[in-house]
Amino acid sequence: MSIYKQQLGKEGEEIAAAHLIKEGYKILVRNYRSGRAEIDIIAMRDDILIIIEVKTRETDAYGNPEEAVGSNKVNMLAQGAEDYLLDNNLHNNVRYDIVSVIKNQYKTEVHHLEDAFWPGLY
């Protein structure tokens, strides 16, 4: 991955985190890793643990950013969530969200998709 794309991804995660905080989410962890799984943001709201995948693009010319979350990523997020729950002895309900960011020199758009997917249903 190019340095430019890495920087764009980091900027997208910063934008997403700021959006979530503004909406009343408590950010617990960013860039949580367990084995091969990486979770961009783990947050809590109303006693629900929320696993958040952030997708950032410059444009939607090739589809919306959230469309890039495939079944392999869903499975990895589910495994990471399970590991996080076990590591922290938590028993909360879990929700999976996607924050989609389009950022370029003309605009920054943020779309938060709550309950974006349910692991195991695919």
Protein backbone atom coordinates (compact mmCIF):
# COMPACT_ATOMS: atom_id res chain seq x y z
CA MET A 1 0.00 0.00 0.00
CA SER A 2 1.37 3.42 -0.91
CA ILE A 3 2.30 5.94 1.74
CA TYR A 4 -0.37 8.26 0.32
CA LYS A 5 -3.11 5.65 0.79
CA GLN A 6 -1.89 4.90 4.29
CA GLN A 7 -2.06 8.61 5.13
CA LEU A 8 -5.56 8.89 3.62
CA GLY A 9 -6.66 5.90 5.70
CA LYS A 10 -5.26 7.45 8.89
CA GLU A 11 -7.01 10.74 8.13
CA GLY A 12 -10.24 8.83 7.58
CA GLU A 13 -9.89 7.11 10.94
CA GLU A 14 -9.31 10.47 12.66
CA ILE A 15 -12.42 11.90 10.96
CA ALA A 16 -14.44 8.81 11.92
CA ALA A 17 -13.29 8.93 15.55
CA ALA A 18 -14.19 12.63 15.83
CA HIS A 19 -17.62 11.92 14.34
CA LEU A 20 -18.26 9.06 16.76
CA ILE A 21 -17.24 11.11 19.80
CA LYS A 22 -19.51 13.93 18.65
CA GLU A 23 -22.37 11.41 18.42
CA GLY A 24 -21.82 10.24 22.01
CA TYR A 25 -19.71 7.13 21.48
CA LYS A 26 -16.92 6.32 23.94
CA ILE A 27 -13.84 5.18 22.05
CA LEU A 28 -12.21 2.30 23.93
CA VAL A 29 -9.48 1.23 21.52
CA ARG A 30 -8.14 2.21 18.12
CA ASN A 31 -6.31 -0.18 15.82
CA TYR A 32 -6.84 -3.23 18.03
CA ARG A 33 -4.88 -6.24 16.79
CA SER A 34 -5.28 -9.89 17.61
CA GLY A 35 -3.60 -12.43 15.39
CA ARG A 36 -4.39 -11.46 11.79
CA ALA A 37 -7.43 -9.41 12.79
CA GLU A 38 -7.35 -5.63 13.07
CA ILE A 39 -10.27 -3.55 14.26
CA ASP A 40 -10.08 0.15 13.40
CA ILE A 41 -12.19 1.38 16.32
CA ILE A 42 -13.82 -0.31 19.28
CA ALA A 43 -16.38 1.88 21.01
CA MET A 44 -19.13 1.66 23.60
CA ARG A 45 -22.55 3.24 23.58
CA ASP A 46 -25.59 2.32 25.67
CA ASP A 47 -23.72 -0.73 27.05
CA ILE A 48 -23.25 -2.11 23.52
CA LEU A 49 -19.74 -2.89 22.32
CA ILE A 50 -19.41 -1.53 18.80
CA ILE A 51 -16.85 -2.85 16.34
CA ILE A 52 -16.22 -0.22 13.68
CA GLU A 53 -14.55 -0.64 10.31
CA VAL A 54 -13.51 2.63 8.69
CA LYS A 55 -13.27 2.82 4.90
CA THR A 56 -11.85 5.94 3.30
CA ARG A 57 -11.70 6.87 -0.37
CA GLU A 58 -11.12 10.03 -2.37
CA THR A 59 -14.15 9.43 -4.55
CA ASP A 60 -17.12 7.13 -4.96
CA ALA A 61 -16.44 6.73 -8.69
CA TYR A 62 -15.80 3.01 -8.20
CA GLY A 63 -18.50 2.49 -5.58
CA ASN A 64 -19.09 3.61 -2.02
CA PRO A 65 -16.25 2.90 0.42
CA GLU A 66 -18.40 0.58 2.56
CA GLU A 67 -18.83 -1.76 -0.42
CA ALA A 68 -15.17 -2.75 0.05
CA VAL A 69 -16.00 -4.69 3.24
CA GLY A 70 -16.16 -8.27 2.05
CA SER A 71 -16.86 -11.57 3.77
CA ASN A 72 -13.19 -12.17 4.64
CA LYS A 73 -13.02 -8.82 6.44
CA VAL A 74 -16.31 -9.53 8.22
CA ASN A 75 -14.93 -12.85 9.47
CA MET A 76 -11.70 -11.20 10.65
CA LEU A 77 -13.65 -8.49 12.50
CA ALA A 78 -15.79 -11.14 14.19
CA GLN A 79 -12.69 -13.03 15.31
CA GLY A 80 -11.10 -9.82 16.59
CA ALA A 81 -14.28 -8.92 18.46
CA GLU A 82 -14.40 -12.34 20.08
CA ASP A 83 -10.76 -12.02 21.13
CA TYR A 84 -11.37 -8.55 22.57
CA LEU A 85 -14.36 -9.76 24.58
CA LEU A 86 -12.39 -12.71 25.96
CA ASP A 87 -9.24 -10.67 26.68
CA ASN A 88 -11.27 -8.12 28.63
CA ASN A 89 -13.76 -10.52 30.24
CA LEU A 90 -16.70 -8.66 28.71
CA HIS A 91 -20.18 -10.03 28.11
CA ASN A 92 -21.75 -7.10 26.26
CA ASN A 93 -23.87 -7.33 23.15
CA VAL A 94 -21.84 -6.53 20.04
CA ARG A 95 -22.80 -4.45 17.02
CA TYR A 96 -20.82 -4.09 13.81
CA ASP A 97 -20.75 -0.68 12.11
CA ILE A 98 -18.98 0.85 9.14
CA VAL A 99 -17.96 4.48 8.93
CA SER A 100 -17.52 5.46 5.31
CA VAL A 101 -15.42 8.55 4.57
CA ILE A 102 -14.98 10.29 1.25
CA LYS A 103 -12.26 12.91 1.53
CA ASN A 104 -10.68 14.99 -1.18
CA GLN A 105 -9.71 18.61 -1.76
CA TYR A 106 -13.33 19.59 -2.38
CA LYS A 107 -15.27 17.79 0.33
CA THR A 108 -15.31 15.48 3.30
CA GLU A 109 -18.36 13.22 3.67
CA VAL A 110 -18.97 10.87 6.58
CA HIS A 111 -21.64 8.17 6.54
CA HIS A 112 -22.15 5.99 9.60
CA LEU A 113 -23.85 2.68 8.89
CA GLU A 114 -25.07 1.13 12.13
CA ASP A 115 -25.61 -2.65 12.15
CA ALA A 116 -23.84 -2.76 8.79
CA PHE A 117 -23.39 -6.54 8.88
CA TRP A 118 -23.91 -9.61 11.04
CA PRO A 119 -21.04 -12.12 11.03
CA GLY A 120 -22.11 -15.68 10.43
CA LEU A 121 -25.08 -14.78 8.24
CA TYR A 122 -23.14 -14.90 4.97
